[in-house]
Structure formats: C-alpha cells, structure tokens
PDB file of all heavy atoms in Angstrom:
ATOM      1  N   VAL A   1     -59.739 -62.262  30.390  1.00  0.00           N
ATOM      2  CA  VAL A   1     -59.112 -62.039  29.083  1.00  0.00           C
ATOM      3  C   VAL A   1     -58.106 -63.158  28.855  1.00  0.00           C
ATOM      4  O   VAL A   1     -57.003 -63.149  29.404  1.00  0.00           O
ATOM      5  CB  VAL A   1     -58.412 -60.667  29.025  1.00  0.00           C
ATOM      6  CG1 VAL A   1     -57.871 -60.414  27.613  1.00  0.00           C
ATOM      7  CG2 VAL A   1     -59.368 -59.548  29.440  1.00  0.00           C
ATOM      8  N   HIS A   2     -58.498 -64.143  28.056  1.00  0.00           N
ATOM      9  CA  HIS A   2     -57.644 -65.302  27.784  1.00  0.00           C
ATOM     10  C   HIS A   2     -56.772 -65.019  26.567  1.00  0.00           C
ATOM     11  O   HIS A   2     -57.261 -64.636  25.507  1.00  0.00           O
ATOM     12  CB  HIS A   2     -58.510 -66.544  27.564  1.00  0.00           C
ATOM     13  CG  HIS A   2     -59.172 -67.015  28.812  1.00  0.00           C
ATOM     14  ND1 HIS A   2     -58.721 -68.098  29.538  1.00  0.00           N
ATOM     15  CD2 HIS A   2     -60.244 -66.534  29.492  1.00  0.00           C
ATOM     16  CE1 HIS A   2     -59.489 -68.277  30.602  1.00  0.00           C
ATOM     17  NE2 HIS A   2     -60.424 -67.337  30.598  1.00  0.00           N
ATOM     18  N   MET A   3     -55.476 -65.234  26.739  1.00  0.00           N
ATOM     19  CA  MET A   3     -54.499 -64.889  25.708  1.00  0.00           C
ATOM     20  C   MET A   3     -53.624 -66.099  25.375  1.00  0.00           C
ATOM     21  O   MET A   3     -53.737 -67.143  26.026  1.00  0.00           O
ATOM     22  CB  MET A   3     -53.659 -63.705  26.197  1.00  0.00           C
ATOM     23  CG  MET A   3     -54.462 -62.423  26.331  1.00  0.00           C
ATOM     24  SD  MET A   3     -53.519 -61.023  27.033  1.00  0.00           S
ATOM     25  CE  MET A   3     -53.488 -61.472  28.773  1.00  0.00           C
ATOM     26  N   PRO A   4     -52.759 -65.984  24.369  1.00  0.00           N
ATOM     27  CA  PRO A   4     -51.905 -67.113  23.993  1.00  0.00           C
ATOM     28  C   PRO A   4     -51.017 -67.577  25.141  1.00  0.00           C
ATOM     29  O   PRO A   4     -50.720 -66.828  26.079  1.00  0.00           O
ATOM     30  CB  PRO A   4     -51.053 -66.540  22.848  1.00  0.00           C
ATOM     31  CG  PRO A   4     -51.903 -65.460  22.263  1.00  0.00           C
ATOM     32  CD  PRO A   4     -52.618 -64.850  23.436  1.00  0.00           C
ATOM     33  N   LEU A   5     -50.595 -68.841  25.047  1.00  0.00           N
ATOM     34  CA  LEU A   5     -49.670 -69.461  25.990  1.00  0.00           C
ATOM     35  C   LEU A   5     -50.253 -69.574  27.391  1.00  0.00           C
ATOM     36  O   LEU A   5     -49.527 -69.639  28.378  1.00  0.00           O
ATOM     37  CB  LEU A   5     -48.339 -68.700  26.040  1.00  0.00           C
ATOM     38  CG  LEU A   5     -47.611 -68.548  24.707  1.00  0.00           C
ATOM     39  CD1 LEU A   5     -46.331 -67.773  24.884  1.00  0.00           C
ATOM     40  CD2 LEU A   5     -47.350 -69.906  24.088  1.00  0.00           C
ATOM     41  N   GLY A   6     -51.569 -69.614  27.485  1.00  0.00           N
ATOM     42  CA  GLY A   6     -52.206 -69.839  28.774  1.00  0.00           C
ATOM     43  C   GLY A   6     -52.281 -68.628  29.674  1.00  0.00           C
ATOM     44  O   GLY A   6     -52.726 -68.734  30.816  1.00  0.00           O
ATOM     45  N   GLN A   7     -51.863 -67.455  29.191  1.00  0.00           N
ATOM     46  CA  GLN A   7     -51.914 -66.257  30.033  1.00  0.00           C
ATOM     47  C   GLN A   7     -53.352 -65.783  30.155  1.00  0.00           C
ATOM     48  O   GLN A   7     -54.091 -65.713  29.177  1.00  0.00           O
ATOM     49  CB  GLN A   7     -51.048 -65.149  29.436  1.00  0.00           C
ATOM     50  CG  GLN A   7     -51.016 -63.885  30.274  1.00  0.00           C
ATOM     51  CD  GLN A   7     -49.984 -62.903  29.773  1.00  0.00           C
ATOM     52  OE1 GLN A   7     -48.934 -63.290  29.278  1.00  0.00           O
ATOM     53  NE2 GLN A   7     -50.273 -61.611  29.889  1.00  0.00           N
ATOM     54  N   VAL A   8     -53.753 -65.457  31.373  1.00  0.00           N
ATOM     55  CA  VAL A   8     -55.105 -64.978  31.639  1.00  0.00           C
ATOM     56  C   VAL A   8     -55.018 -63.622  32.336  1.00  0.00           C
ATOM     57  O   VAL A   8     -54.421 -63.492  33.404  1.00  0.00           O
ATOM     58  CB  VAL A   8     -55.895 -65.947  32.539  1.00  0.00           C
ATOM     59  CG1 VAL A   8     -57.321 -65.426  32.770  1.00  0.00           C
ATOM     60  CG2 VAL A   8     -55.939 -67.344  31.915  1.00  0.00           C
ATOM     61  N   GLY A   9     -55.580 -62.613  31.713  1.00  0.00           N
ATOM     62  CA  GLY A   9     -55.709 -61.300  32.323  1.00  0.00           C
ATOM     63  C   GLY A   9     -57.121 -61.127  32.828  1.00  0.00           C
ATOM     64  O   GLY A   9     -57.988 -61.973  32.612  1.00  0.00           O
ATOM     65  N   ALA A  10     -57.380 -60.020  33.500  1.00  0.00           N
ATOM     66  CA  ALA A  10     -58.723 -59.777  34.014  1.00  0.00           C
ATOM     67  C   ALA A  10     -58.897 -58.305  34.340  1.00  0.00           C
ATOM     68  O   ALA A  10     -57.948 -57.630  34.751  1.00  0.00           O
ATOM     69  CB  ALA A  10     -58.992 -60.612  35.263  1.00  0.00           C
ATOM     70  N   VAL A  11     -60.110 -57.840  34.136  1.00  0.00           N
ATOM     71  CA  VAL A  11     -60.498 -56.513  34.610  1.00  0.00           C
ATOM     72  C   VAL A  11     -61.737 -56.688  35.473  1.00  0.00           C
ATOM     73  O   VAL A  11     -62.752 -57.230  35.017  1.00  0.00           O
ATOM     74  CB  VAL A  11     -60.796 -55.547  33.453  1.00  0.00           C
ATOM     75  CG1 VAL A  11     -61.230 -54.187  34.012  1.00  0.00           C
ATOM     76  CG2 VAL A  11     -59.579 -55.376  32.553  1.00  0.00           C
ATOM     77  N   SER A  12     -61.631 -56.251  36.719  1.00  0.00           N
ATOM     78  CA  SER A  12     -62.770 -56.293  37.635  1.00  0.00           C
ATOM     79  C   SER A  12     -63.325 -54.886  37.783  1.00  0.00           C
ATOM     80  O   SER A  12     -62.562 -53.931  38.029  1.00  0.00           O
ATOM     81  CB  SER A  12     -62.342 -56.827  39.008  1.00  0.00           C
ATOM     82  OG  SER A  12     -61.886 -58.160  38.910  1.00  0.00           O
ATOM     83  N   PHE A  13     -64.635 -54.762  37.623  1.00  0.00           N
ATOM     84  CA  PHE A  13     -65.305 -53.480  37.790  1.00  0.00           C
ATOM     85  C   PHE A  13     -66.043 -53.539  39.132  1.00  0.00           C
ATOM     86  O   PHE A  13     -66.958 -54.350  39.315  1.00  0.00           O
ATOM     87  CB  PHE A  13     -66.264 -53.230  36.640  1.00  0.00           C
ATOM     88  CG  PHE A  13     -65.559 -53.103  35.307  1.00  0.00           C
ATOM     89  CD1 PHE A  13     -65.463 -54.201  34.458  1.00  0.00           C
ATOM     90  CD2 PHE A  13     -64.987 -51.905  34.912  1.00  0.00           C
ATOM     91  CE1 PHE A  13     -64.801 -54.100  33.231  1.00  0.00           C
ATOM     92  CE2 PHE A  13     -64.322 -51.792  33.687  1.00  0.00           C
ATOM     93  CZ  PHE A  13     -64.236 -52.891  32.860  1.00  0.00           C
ATOM     94  N   LEU A  14     -65.632 -52.676  40.058  1.00  0.00           N
ATOM     95  CA  LEU A  14     -66.110 -52.736  41.436  1.00  0.00           C
ATOM     96  C   LEU A  14     -66.998 -51.534  41.742  1.00  0.00           C
ATOM     97  O   LEU A  14     -66.588 -50.384  41.500  1.00  0.00           O
ATOM     98  CB  LEU A  14     -64.910 -52.752  42.391  1.00  0.00           C
ATOM     99  CG  LEU A  14     -63.774 -53.717  42.035  1.00  0.00           C
ATOM    100  CD1 LEU A  14     -62.623 -53.554  43.017  1.00  0.00           C
ATOM    101  CD2 LEU A  14     -64.278 -55.146  42.001  1.00  0.00           C
ATOM    102  N   PRO A  15     -68.195 -51.750  42.265  1.00  0.00           N
ATOM    103  CA  PRO A  15     -69.103 -50.636  42.540  1.00  0.00           C
ATOM    104  C   PRO A  15     -68.497 -49.635  43.515  1.00  0.00           C
ATOM    105  O   PRO A  15     -67.884 -50.018  44.513  1.00  0.00           O
ATOM    106  CB  PRO A  15     -70.325 -51.322  43.154  1.00  0.00           C
ATOM    107  CG  PRO A  15     -70.244 -52.749  42.744  1.00  0.00           C
ATOM    108  CD  PRO A  15     -68.776 -53.056  42.634  1.00  0.00           C
ATOM    109  N   VAL A  16     -68.672 -48.347  43.210  1.00  0.00           N
ATOM    110  CA  VAL A  16     -68.244 -47.307  44.137  1.00  0.00           C
ATOM    111  C   VAL A  16     -68.993 -47.444  45.450  1.00  0.00           C
ATOM    112  O   VAL A  16     -68.432 -47.225  46.529  1.00  0.00           O
ATOM    113  CB  VAL A  16     -68.475 -45.914  43.516  1.00  0.00           C
ATOM    114  CG1 VAL A  16     -68.233 -44.817  44.546  1.00  0.00           C
ATOM    115  CG2 VAL A  16     -67.566 -45.715  42.304  1.00  0.00           C
ATOM    116  N   ASP A  17     -70.270 -47.803  45.360  1.00  0.00           N
ATOM    117  CA  ASP A  17     -71.066 -48.111  46.551  1.00  0.00           C
ATOM    118  C   ASP A  17     -70.647 -49.488  47.049  1.00  0.00           C
ATOM    119  O   ASP A  17     -71.071 -50.512  46.522  1.00  0.00           O
ATOM    120  CB  ASP A  17     -72.551 -48.086  46.213  1.00  0.00           C
ATOM    121  CG  ASP A  17     -73.441 -48.417  47.409  1.00  0.00           C
ATOM    122  OD1 ASP A  17     -72.899 -48.673  48.506  1.00  0.00           O
ATOM    123  OD2 ASP A  17     -74.676 -48.444  47.238  1.00  0.00           O
ATOM    124  N   THR A  18     -69.785 -49.513  48.046  1.00  0.00           N
ATOM    125  CA  THR A  18     -69.210 -50.775  48.502  1.00  0.00           C
ATOM    126  C   THR A  18     -70.214 -51.704  49.160  1.00  0.00           C
ATOM    127  O   THR A  18     -69.891 -52.856  49.443  1.00  0.00           O
ATOM    128  CB  THR A  18     -68.053 -50.505  49.483  1.00  0.00           C
ATOM    129  OG1 THR A  18     -68.543 -49.712  50.578  1.00  0.00           O
ATOM    130  CG2 THR A  18     -66.918 -49.762  48.785  1.00  0.00           C
ATOM    131  N   SER A  19     -71.428 -51.206  49.418  1.00  0.00           N
ATOM    132  CA  SER A  19     -72.460 -52.075  49.997  1.00  0.00           C
ATOM    133  C   SER A  19     -73.238 -52.829  48.923  1.00  0.00           C
ATOM    134  O   SER A  19     -74.028 -53.728  49.236  1.00  0.00           O
ATOM    135  CB  SER A  19     -73.433 -51.250  50.850  1.00  0.00           C
ATOM    136  OG  SER A  19     -74.177 -50.353  50.034  1.00  0.00           O
ATOM    137  N   SER A  20     -73.017 -52.489  47.651  1.00  0.00           N
ATOM    138  CA  SER A  20     -73.759 -53.125  46.553  1.00  0.00           C
ATOM    139  C   SER A  20     -73.393 -54.596  46.431  1.00  0.00           C
ATOM    140  O   SER A  20     -72.213 -54.953  46.392  1.00  0.00           O
ATOM    141  CB  SER A  20     -73.462 -52.424  45.231  1.00  0.00           C
ATOM    142  OG  SER A  20     -73.924 -51.098  45.245  1.00  0.00           O
ATOM    143  N   GLU A  21     -74.420 -55.434  46.340  1.00  0.00           N
ATOM    144  CA  GLU A  21     -74.198 -56.872  46.171  1.00  0.00           C
ATOM    145  C   GLU A  21     -74.865 -57.426  44.924  1.00  0.00           C
ATOM    146  O   GLU A  21     -74.400 -58.426  44.376  1.00  0.00           O
ATOM    147  CB  GLU A  21     -74.698 -57.626  47.407  1.00  0.00           C
ATOM    148  CG  GLU A  21     -73.904 -57.315  48.672  1.00  0.00           C
ATOM    149  CD  GLU A  21     -74.288 -58.216  49.832  1.00  0.00           C
ATOM    150  OE1 GLU A  21     -75.095 -59.150  49.616  1.00  0.00           O
ATOM    151  OE2 GLU A  21     -73.784 -58.001  50.940  1.00  0.00           O
ATOM    152  N   ASN A  22     -75.928 -56.795  44.466  1.00  0.00           N
ATOM    153  CA  ASN A  22     -76.649 -57.286  43.289  1.00  0.00           C
ATOM    154  C   ASN A  22     -76.308 -56.418  42.081  1.00  0.00           C
ATOM    155  O   ASN A  22     -76.717 -55.261  41.995  1.00  0.00           O
ATOM    156  CB  ASN A  22     -78.160 -57.270  43.543  1.00  0.00           C
ATOM    157  CG  ASN A  22     -78.932 -57.980  42.434  1.00  0.00           C
ATOM    158  OD1 ASN A  22     -78.480 -58.059  41.295  1.00  0.00           O
ATOM    159  ND2 ASN A  22     -80.096 -58.498  42.772  1.00  0.00           N
ATOM    160  N   LEU A  23     -75.564 -56.988  41.146  1.00  0.00           N
ATOM    161  CA  LEU A  23     -75.125 -56.247  39.965  1.00  0.00           C
ATOM    162  C   LEU A  23     -75.846 -56.706  38.703  1.00  0.00           C
ATOM    163  O   LEU A  23     -75.367 -56.475  37.590  1.00  0.00           O
ATOM    164  CB  LEU A  23     -73.612 -56.410  39.772  1.00  0.00           C
ATOM    165  CG  LEU A  23     -72.719 -56.044  40.957  1.00  0.00           C
ATOM    166  CD1 LEU A  23     -71.245 -56.156  40.562  1.00  0.00           C
ATOM    167  CD2 LEU A  23     -73.026 -54.659  41.476  1.00  0.00           C
ATOM    168  N   SER A  24     -76.993 -57.329  38.863  1.00  0.00           N
ATOM    169  CA  SER A  24     -77.683 -57.911  37.713  1.00  0.00           C
ATOM    170  C   SER A  24     -78.094 -56.860  36.684  1.00  0.00           C
ATOM    171  O   SER A  24     -77.922 -57.062  35.474  1.00  0.00           O
ATOM    172  CB  SER A  24     -78.910 -58.701  38.176  1.00  0.00           C
ATOM    173  OG  SER A  24     -79.795 -57.881  38.921  1.00  0.00           O
ATOM    174  N   GLU A  25     -78.622 -55.723  37.142  1.00  0.00           N
ATOM    175  CA  GLU A  25     -79.045 -54.687  36.204  1.00  0.00           C
ATOM    176  C   GLU A  25     -77.840 -54.055  35.516  1.00  0.00           C
ATOM    177  O   GLU A  25     -77.860 -53.811  34.299  1.00  0.00           O
ATOM    178  CB  GLU A  25     -79.865 -53.622  36.929  1.00  0.00           C
ATOM    179  CG  GLU A  25     -81.211 -54.127  37.430  1.00  0.00           C
ATOM    180  CD  GLU A  25     -82.051 -53.021  38.044  1.00  0.00           C
ATOM    181  OE1 GLU A  25     -81.611 -51.844  38.004  1.00  0.00           O
ATOM    182  OE2 GLU A  25     -83.138 -53.318  38.560  1.00  0.00           O
ATOM    183  N   MET A  26     -76.788 -53.787  36.271  1.00  0.00           N
ATOM    184  CA  MET A  26     -75.566 -53.245  35.689  1.00  0.00           C
ATOM    185  C   MET A  26     -74.998 -54.210  34.658  1.00  0.00           C
ATOM    186  O   MET A  26     -74.579 -53.807  33.565  1.00  0.00           O
ATOM    187  CB  MET A  26     -74.531 -52.989  36.783  1.00  0.00           C
ATOM    188  CG  MET A  26     -73.207 -52.449  36.265  1.00  0.00           C
ATOM    189  SD  MET A  26     -71.889 -52.514  37.511  1.00  0.00           S
ATOM    190  CE  MET A  26     -72.602 -51.538  38.810  1.00  0.00           C
ATOM    191  N   PHE A  27     -74.986 -55.477  34.992  1.00  0.00           N
ATOM    192  CA  PHE A  27     -74.434 -56.488  34.088  1.00  0.00           C
ATOM    193  C   PHE A  27     -75.225 -56.534  32.787  1.00  0.00           C
ATOM    194  O   PHE A  27     -74.648 -56.551  31.694  1.00  0.00           O
ATOM    195  CB  PHE A  27     -74.454 -57.849  34.771  1.00  0.00           C
ATOM    196  CG  PHE A  27     -73.816 -58.947  33.961  1.00  0.00           C
ATOM    197  CD1 PHE A  27     -72.445 -59.147  34.007  1.00  0.00           C
ATOM    198  CD2 PHE A  27     -74.581 -59.768  33.142  1.00  0.00           C
ATOM    199  CE1 PHE A  27     -71.845 -60.140  33.250  1.00  0.00           C
ATOM    200  CE2 PHE A  27     -73.995 -60.770  32.388  1.00  0.00           C
ATOM    201  CZ  PHE A  27     -72.619 -60.955  32.440  1.00  0.00           C
ATOM    202  N   ALA A  28     -76.541 -56.549  32.888  1.00  0.00           N
ATOM    203  CA  ALA A  28     -77.382 -56.621  31.693  1.00  0.00           C
ATOM    204  C   ALA A  28     -77.178 -55.417  30.787  1.00  0.00           C
ATOM    205  O   ALA A  28     -77.198 -55.529  29.559  1.00  0.00           O
ATOM    206  CB  ALA A  28     -78.852 -56.729  32.103  1.00  0.00           C
ATOM    207  N   ALA A  29     -76.960 -54.257  31.386  1.00  0.00           N
ATOM    208  CA  ALA A  29     -76.850 -53.031  30.607  1.00  0.00           C
ATOM    209  C   ALA A  29     -75.459 -52.801  30.027  1.00  0.00           C
ATOM    210  O   ALA A  29     -75.322 -52.267  28.920  1.00  0.00           O
ATOM    211  CB  ALA A  29     -77.260 -51.836  31.467  1.00  0.00           C
ATOM    212  N   TYR A  30     -74.416 -53.194  30.750  1.00  0.00           N
ATOM    213  CA  TYR A  30     -73.075 -52.739  30.384  1.00  0.00           C
ATOM    214  C   TYR A  30     -72.030 -53.832  30.179  1.00  0.00           C
ATOM    215  O   TYR A  30     -70.911 -53.522  29.746  1.00  0.00           O
ATOM    216  CB  TYR A  30     -72.552 -51.778  31.458  1.00  0.00           C
ATOM    217  CG  TYR A  30     -73.437 -50.572  31.662  1.00  0.00           C
ATOM    218  CD1 TYR A  30     -74.138 -50.404  32.856  1.00  0.00           C
ATOM    219  CD2 TYR A  30     -73.569 -49.609  30.676  1.00  0.00           C
ATOM    220  CE1 TYR A  30     -74.944 -49.292  33.054  1.00  0.00           C
ATOM    221  CE2 TYR A  30     -74.379 -48.497  30.858  1.00  0.00           C
ATOM    222  CZ  TYR A  30     -75.072 -48.346  32.054  1.00  0.00           C
ATOM    223  OH  TYR A  30     -75.872 -47.255  32.239  1.00  0.00           O
ATOM    224  N   ALA A  31     -72.339 -55.079  30.472  1.00  0.00           N
ATOM    225  CA  ALA A  31     -71.305 -56.123  30.426  1.00  0.00           C
ATOM    226  C   ALA A  31     -70.679 -56.272  29.044  1.00  0.00           C
ATOM    227  O   ALA A  31     -69.458 -56.440  28.922  1.00  0.00           O
ATOM    228  CB  ALA A  31     -71.889 -57.462  30.886  1.00  0.00           C
ATOM    229  N   ASP A  32     -71.479 -56.211  28.001  1.00  0.00           N
ATOM    230  CA  ASP A  32     -70.934 -56.401  26.654  1.00  0.00           C
ATOM    231  C   ASP A  32     -69.934 -55.309  26.291  1.00  0.00           C
ATOM    232  O   ASP A  32     -68.838 -55.593  25.787  1.00  0.00           O
ATOM    233  CB  ASP A  32     -72.070 -56.434  25.627  1.00  0.00           C
ATOM    234  CG  ASP A  32     -72.890 -57.712  25.693  1.00  0.00           C
ATOM    235  OD1 ASP A  32     -72.396 -58.689  26.293  1.00  0.00           O
ATOM    236  OD2 ASP A  32     -74.010 -57.725  25.150  1.00  0.00           O
ATOM    237  N   VAL A  33     -70.322 -54.064  26.544  1.00  0.00           N
ATOM    238  CA  VAL A  33     -69.439 -52.947  26.193  1.00  0.00           C
ATOM    239  C   VAL A  33     -68.190 -52.950  27.070  1.00  0.00           C
ATOM    240  O   VAL A  33     -67.070 -52.782  26.575  1.00  0.00           O
ATOM    241  CB  VAL A  33     -70.181 -51.610  26.324  1.00  0.00           C
ATOM    242  CG1 VAL A  33     -69.223 -50.444  26.109  1.00  0.00           C
ATOM    243  CG2 VAL A  33     -71.320 -51.534  25.322  1.00  0.00           C
ATOM    244  N   LEU A  34     -68.372 -53.137  28.380  1.00  0.00           N
ATOM    245  CA  LEU A  34     -67.218 -53.187  29.274  1.00  0.00           C
ATOM    246  C   LEU A  34     -66.286 -54.335  28.898  1.00  0.00           C
ATOM    247  O   LEU A  34     -65.068 -54.221  29.022  1.00  0.00           O
ATOM    248  CB  LEU A  34     -67.678 -53.317  30.726  1.00  0.00           C
ATOM    249  CG  LEU A  34     -68.337 -52.080  31.336  1.00  0.00           C
ATOM    250  CD1 LEU A  34     -68.838 -52.392  32.743  1.00  0.00           C
ATOM    251  CD2 LEU A  34     -67.378 -50.893  31.357  1.00  0.00           C
ATOM    252  N   GLY A  35     -66.871 -55.438  28.444  1.00  0.00           N
ATOM    253  CA  GLY A  35     -66.062 -56.574  28.025  1.00  0.00           C
ATOM    254  C   GLY A  35     -65.175 -56.233  26.836  1.00  0.00           C
ATOM    255  O   GLY A  35     -63.994 -56.598  26.795  1.00  0.00           O
ATOM    256  N   ILE A  36     -65.720 -55.512  25.863  1.00  0.00           N
ATOM    257  CA  ILE A  36     -64.943 -55.110  24.688  1.00  0.00           C
ATOM    258  C   ILE A  36     -63.829 -54.157  25.089  1.00  0.00           C
ATOM    259  O   ILE A  36     -62.669 -54.301  24.682  1.00  0.00           O
ATOM    260  CB  ILE A  36     -65.865 -54.468  23.637  1.00  0.00           C
ATOM    261  CG1 ILE A  36     -66.819 -55.526  23.061  1.00  0.00           C
ATOM    262  CG2 ILE A  36     -65.047 -53.817  22.529  1.00  0.00           C
ATOM    263  CD1 ILE A  36     -67.893 -54.956  22.166  1.00  0.00           C
ATOM    264  N   TYR A  37     -64.149 -53.171  25.913  1.00  0.00           N
ATOM    265  CA  TYR A  37     -63.143 -52.207  26.346  1.00  0.00           C
ATOM    266  C   TYR A  37     -62.041 -52.887  27.170  1.00  0.00           C
ATOM    267  O   TYR A  37     -60.847 -52.595  27.005  1.00  0.00           O
ATOM    268  CB  TYR A  37     -63.792 -51.105  27.178  1.00  0.00           C
ATOM    269  CG  TYR A  37     -64.696 -50.174  26.401  1.00  0.00           C
ATOM    270  CD1 TYR A  37     -65.679 -49.421  27.049  1.00  0.00           C
ATOM    271  CD2 TYR A  37     -64.572 -50.012  25.019  1.00  0.00           C
ATOM    272  CE1 TYR A  37     -66.508 -48.551  26.358  1.00  0.00           C
ATOM    273  CE2 TYR A  37     -65.402 -49.157  24.316  1.00  0.00           C
ATOM    274  CZ  TYR A  37     -66.371 -48.422  24.991  1.00  0.00           C
ATOM    275  OH  TYR A  37     -67.191 -47.569  24.302  1.00  0.00           O
ATOM    276  N   ALA A  38     -62.451 -53.781  28.081  1.00  0.00           N
ATOM    277  CA  ALA A  38     -61.472 -54.450  28.951  1.00  0.00           C
ATOM    278  C   ALA A  38     -60.519 -55.303  28.140  1.00  0.00           C
ATOM    279  O   ALA A  38     -59.295 -55.294  28.371  1.00  0.00           O
ATOM    280  CB  ALA A  38     -62.197 -55.302  29.992  1.00  0.00           C
ATOM    281  N   ARG A  39     -61.042 -56.044  27.183  1.00  0.00           N
ATOM    282  CA  ARG A  39     -60.186 -56.904  26.366  1.00  0.00           C
ATOM    283  C   ARG A  39     -59.245 -56.075  25.496  1.00  0.00           C
ATOM    284  O   ARG A  39     -58.092 -56.454  25.272  1.00  0.00           O
ATOM    285  CB  ARG A  39     -61.048 -57.830  25.513  1.00  0.00           C
ATOM    286  CG  ARG A  39     -61.778 -58.887  26.346  1.00  0.00           C
ATOM    287  CD  ARG A  39     -62.498 -59.908  25.469  1.00  0.00           C
ATOM    288  NE  ARG A  39     -63.133 -60.923  26.275  1.00  0.00           N
ATOM    289  CZ  ARG A  39     -64.454 -61.065  26.412  1.00  0.00           C
ATOM    290  NH1 ARG A  39     -65.273 -60.226  25.780  1.00  0.00           N
ATOM    291  NH2 ARG A  39     -64.962 -62.014  27.173  1.00  0.00           N
ATOM    292  N   ARG A  40     -59.728 -54.964  25.000  1.00  0.00           N
ATOM    293  CA  ARG A  40     -58.868 -54.075  24.213  1.00  0.00           C
ATOM    294  C   ARG A  40     -57.716 -53.550  25.074  1.00  0.00           C
ATOM    295  O   ARG A  40     -56.550 -53.548  24.644  1.00  0.00           O
ATOM    296  CB  ARG A  40     -59.711 -52.898  23.703  1.00  0.00           C
ATOM    297  CG  ARG A  40     -58.936 -51.797  23.001  1.00  0.00           C
ATOM    298  CD  ARG A  40     -58.442 -52.225  21.644  1.00  0.00           C
ATOM    299  NE  ARG A  40     -58.195 -51.061  20.790  1.00  0.00           N
ATOM    300  CZ  ARG A  40     -57.849 -51.132  19.523  1.00  0.00           C
ATOM    301  NH1 ARG A  40     -57.705 -52.305  18.936  1.00  0.00           N
ATOM    302  NH2 ARG A  40     -57.648 -50.042  18.819  1.00  0.00           N
ATOM    303  N   PHE A  41     -58.031 -53.116  26.288  1.00  0.00           N
ATOM    304  CA  PHE A  41     -57.036 -52.547  27.187  1.00  0.00           C
ATOM    305  C   PHE A  41     -55.987 -53.586  27.582  1.00  0.00           C
ATOM    306  O   PHE A  41     -54.777 -53.352  27.453  1.00  0.00           O
ATOM    307  CB  PHE A  41     -57.743 -52.002  28.432  1.00  0.00           C
ATOM    308  CG  PHE A  41     -56.823 -51.427  29.466  1.00  0.00           C
ATOM    309  CD1 PHE A  41     -56.161 -50.232  29.251  1.00  0.00           C
ATOM    310  CD2 PHE A  41     -56.629 -52.079  30.671  1.00  0.00           C
ATOM    311  CE1 PHE A  41     -55.312 -49.688  30.212  1.00  0.00           C
ATOM    312  CE2 PHE A  41     -55.783 -51.557  31.641  1.00  0.00           C
ATOM    313  CZ  PHE A  41     -55.118 -50.355  31.404  1.00  0.00           C
ATOM    314  N   ILE A  42     -56.432 -54.751  28.042  1.00  0.00           N
ATOM    315  CA  ILE A  42     -55.496 -55.783  28.492  1.00  0.00           C
ATOM    316  C   ILE A  42     -54.702 -56.353  27.327  1.00  0.00           C
ATOM    317  O   ILE A  42     -53.483 -56.549  27.418  1.00  0.00           O
ATOM    318  CB  ILE A  42     -56.247 -56.905  29.234  1.00  0.00           C
ATOM    319  CG1 ILE A  42     -56.878 -56.375  30.525  1.00  0.00           C
ATOM    320  CG2 ILE A  42     -55.306 -58.068  29.530  1.00  0.00           C
ATOM    321  CD1 ILE A  42     -55.880 -55.910  31.561  1.00  0.00           C
ATOM    322  N   GLY A  43     -55.378 -56.640  26.225  1.00  0.00           N
ATOM    323  CA  GLY A  43     -54.683 -57.217  25.077  1.00  0.00           C
ATOM    324  C   GLY A  43     -53.627 -56.284  24.524  1.00  0.00           C
ATOM    325  O   GLY A  43     -52.516 -56.709  24.185  1.00  0.00           O
ATOM    326  N   SER A  44     -53.936 -54.985  24.454  1.00  0.00           N
ATOM    327  CA  SER A  44     -52.981 -54.012  23.946  1.00  0.00           C
ATOM    328  C   SER A  44     -51.781 -53.890  24.882  1.00  0.00           C
ATOM    329  O   SER A  44     -50.634 -53.845  24.439  1.00  0.00           O
ATOM    330  CB  SER A  44     -53.672 -52.650  23.791  1.00  0.00           C
ATOM    331  OG  SER A  44     -52.804 -51.702  23.219  1.00  0.00           O
ATOM    332  N   TYR A  45     -52.041 -53.881  26.182  1.00  0.00           N
ATOM    333  CA  TYR A  45     -50.954 -53.790  27.163  1.00  0.00           C
ATOM    334  C   TYR A  45     -50.062 -55.028  27.079  1.00  0.00           C
ATOM    335  O   TYR A  45     -48.826 -54.919  27.112  1.00  0.00           O
ATOM    336  CB  TYR A  45     -51.535 -53.661  28.566  1.00  0.00           C
ATOM    337  CG  TYR A  45     -50.495 -53.553  29.666  1.00  0.00           C
ATOM    338  CD1 TYR A  45     -50.013 -52.308  30.062  1.00  0.00           C
ATOM    339  CD2 TYR A  45     -50.001 -54.685  30.311  1.00  0.00           C
ATOM    340  CE1 TYR A  45     -49.050 -52.201  31.060  1.00  0.00           C
ATOM    341  CE2 TYR A  45     -49.044 -54.590  31.300  1.00  0.00           C
ATOM    342  CZ  TYR A  45     -48.576 -53.340  31.681  1.00  0.00           C
ATOM    343  OH  TYR A  45     -47.633 -53.250  32.670  1.00  0.00           O
TER     344      TYR A  45
END
C-alpha cells in the first residue's frame, strides 16, 4: 500500500496451513478483492 511522502504499508495474508507453499489458485481467486480490502484498511488507519 503506497501512500504519500514515500510511506509504504502492507498487508500479508498467511495460510493457516503453514506447510502451504503454492498460493497460485488462492491468488487468482482472491487477490483483487483482498487488495481492495487491504488498501481500504491501511489507508483509513
């Protein structure tokens, strides 16, 4: 989440299954929506 004055925020979504390494299907299905929610949350804060 890139903001004014060079500030960079971030939201990392970490699998509950800690052995998971391939997130390609999750990314394809949910990255856009999670991206909108994450930016809303960080930007508002």
